[in-house]
Protein backbone atom coordinates (compact mmCIF):
# COMPACT_ATOMS: atom_id res chain seq x y z
CA MET A 1 -0.03 0.01 -0.04
CA ALA A 2 2.77 2.42 0.89
CA ARG A 3 4.51 1.62 -2.33
CA SER A 4 1.50 2.51 -4.50
CA PHE A 5 0.97 5.68 -2.51
CA LYS A 6 4.66 6.69 -3.18
CA GLU A 7 4.30 5.75 -6.82
CA SER A 8 1.16 7.83 -7.23
CA PHE A 9 2.99 10.94 -6.03
CA SER A 10 6.41 10.25 -7.59
CA GLY A 11 5.91 12.59 -10.50
CA PHE A 12 4.03 15.26 -8.59
CA GLY A 13 7.03 17.53 -8.17
CA ARG A 14 7.84 17.34 -11.87
CA GLU A 15 4.32 18.02 -12.83
CA LEU A 16 4.19 21.04 -10.58
CA LEU A 17 7.47 22.33 -11.91
CA ASP A 18 6.34 21.78 -15.49
CA GLY A 19 3.12 23.81 -14.63
CA ILE A 20 5.21 26.68 -13.33
CA ARG A 21 7.41 26.63 -16.27
CA GLN A 22 4.51 26.73 -18.69
CA ASP A 23 2.98 29.60 -16.83
CA HIS A 24 6.27 31.46 -16.94
CA PHE A 25 6.74 30.85 -20.63
CA ALA A 26 3.15 31.97 -21.29
CA ARG A 27 3.87 35.22 -19.60
CA LEU A 28 7.02 35.70 -21.61
CA ASP A 29 5.11 34.92 -24.80
CA GLU A 30 2.44 37.50 -23.82
CA ALA A 31 5.17 40.13 -23.15
CA ALA A 32 6.88 39.49 -26.39
CA PHE A 33 3.60 39.72 -28.20
CA GLU A 34 2.81 43.12 -26.55
CA GLU A 35 6.20 44.40 -27.36
CA ARG A 36 5.67 43.38 -31.04
CA ILE A 37 2.39 45.26 -31.13
CA VAL A 38 3.98 48.38 -29.66
CA GLY A 39 6.82 48.14 -32.28
CA ILE A 40 4.27 47.90 -35.09
CA GLU A 41 2.27 50.77 -33.79
CA LYS A 42 5.41 52.95 -33.63
CA ALA A 43 6.41 51.94 -37.11
CA VAL A 44 2.98 52.87 -38.46
CA ALA A 45 3.00 56.21 -36.65
CA ALA A 46 6.39 57.06 -38.00
CA LEU A 47 5.51 56.14 -41.60
CA TYR A 48 2.14 57.91 -41.38
CA GLU A 49 3.75 61.06 -39.95
CA ALA A 50 6.36 60.96 -42.73
CA GLU A 51 3.45 61.00 -45.14
CA VAL A 52 4.33 57.70 -46.75
CA ASP A 53 1.58 56.59 -49.09
CA GLU A 54 -1.01 54.39 -47.34
CA GLU A 55 -0.54 51.50 -49.83
CA GLU A 56 3.21 51.64 -49.24
CA ILE A 57 2.74 51.60 -45.44
CA ILE A 58 0.54 48.49 -45.84
CA ALA A 59 3.13 46.79 -48.16
CA LEU A 60 5.96 47.61 -45.71
CA LEU A 61 4.05 46.21 -42.73
CA GLN A 62 3.41 43.03 -44.66
CA LYS A 63 7.02 42.77 -45.72
CA TYR A 64 8.83 43.54 -42.50
CA TRP A 65 6.28 42.55 -39.88
CA ASP A 66 4.82 39.62 -41.72
CA LEU A 67 1.27 40.88 -41.24
CA ARG A 68 -1.75 39.83 -43.21
CA LEU A 69 -3.31 42.44 -45.42
CA SER A 70 -6.32 42.77 -42.98
CA GLU A 71 -3.93 43.23 -40.01
CA ALA A 72 -1.86 45.84 -41.78
CA LYS A 73 -4.97 47.75 -42.74
CA GLU A 74 -6.28 47.63 -39.22
CA PHE A 75 -3.05 49.05 -37.78
CA LEU A 76 -3.14 51.85 -40.32
CA ARG A 77 -6.86 52.55 -39.60
CA HIS A 78 -6.13 52.74 -35.89
CA GLU A 79 -3.33 55.21 -36.46
CA LYS A 80 -5.41 57.37 -38.81
CA GLN A 81 -8.20 57.50 -36.12
CA TYR A 82 -5.62 58.40 -33.48
CA GLN A 83 -4.26 61.22 -35.59
CA GLU A 84 -7.71 62.52 -36.28
CA ARG A 85 -8.50 62.68 -32.55
CA GLU A 86 -5.16 64.36 -31.83
CA SER A 87 -5.75 67.03 -34.49
CA ARG A 88 -9.04 68.23 -32.96
């Protein structure tokens, strides 16, 4: 009986450690994702402020940030709305 009890908890520490590691990596992934979004937003703001053609901004976002067309358009739309609010 004692042996089966020991066997049933033998991997508990490893499972607990694996869970902690997974949680830590998930937080790192989230932080990296958020930093990527901030970088894209700054790039869009700089290009838009430099009066780069909108189609060129979209093409550059797709090329250098590997965004889908819809994602690139959404980042540009968001920046245009922000600039409109700021100019009021």
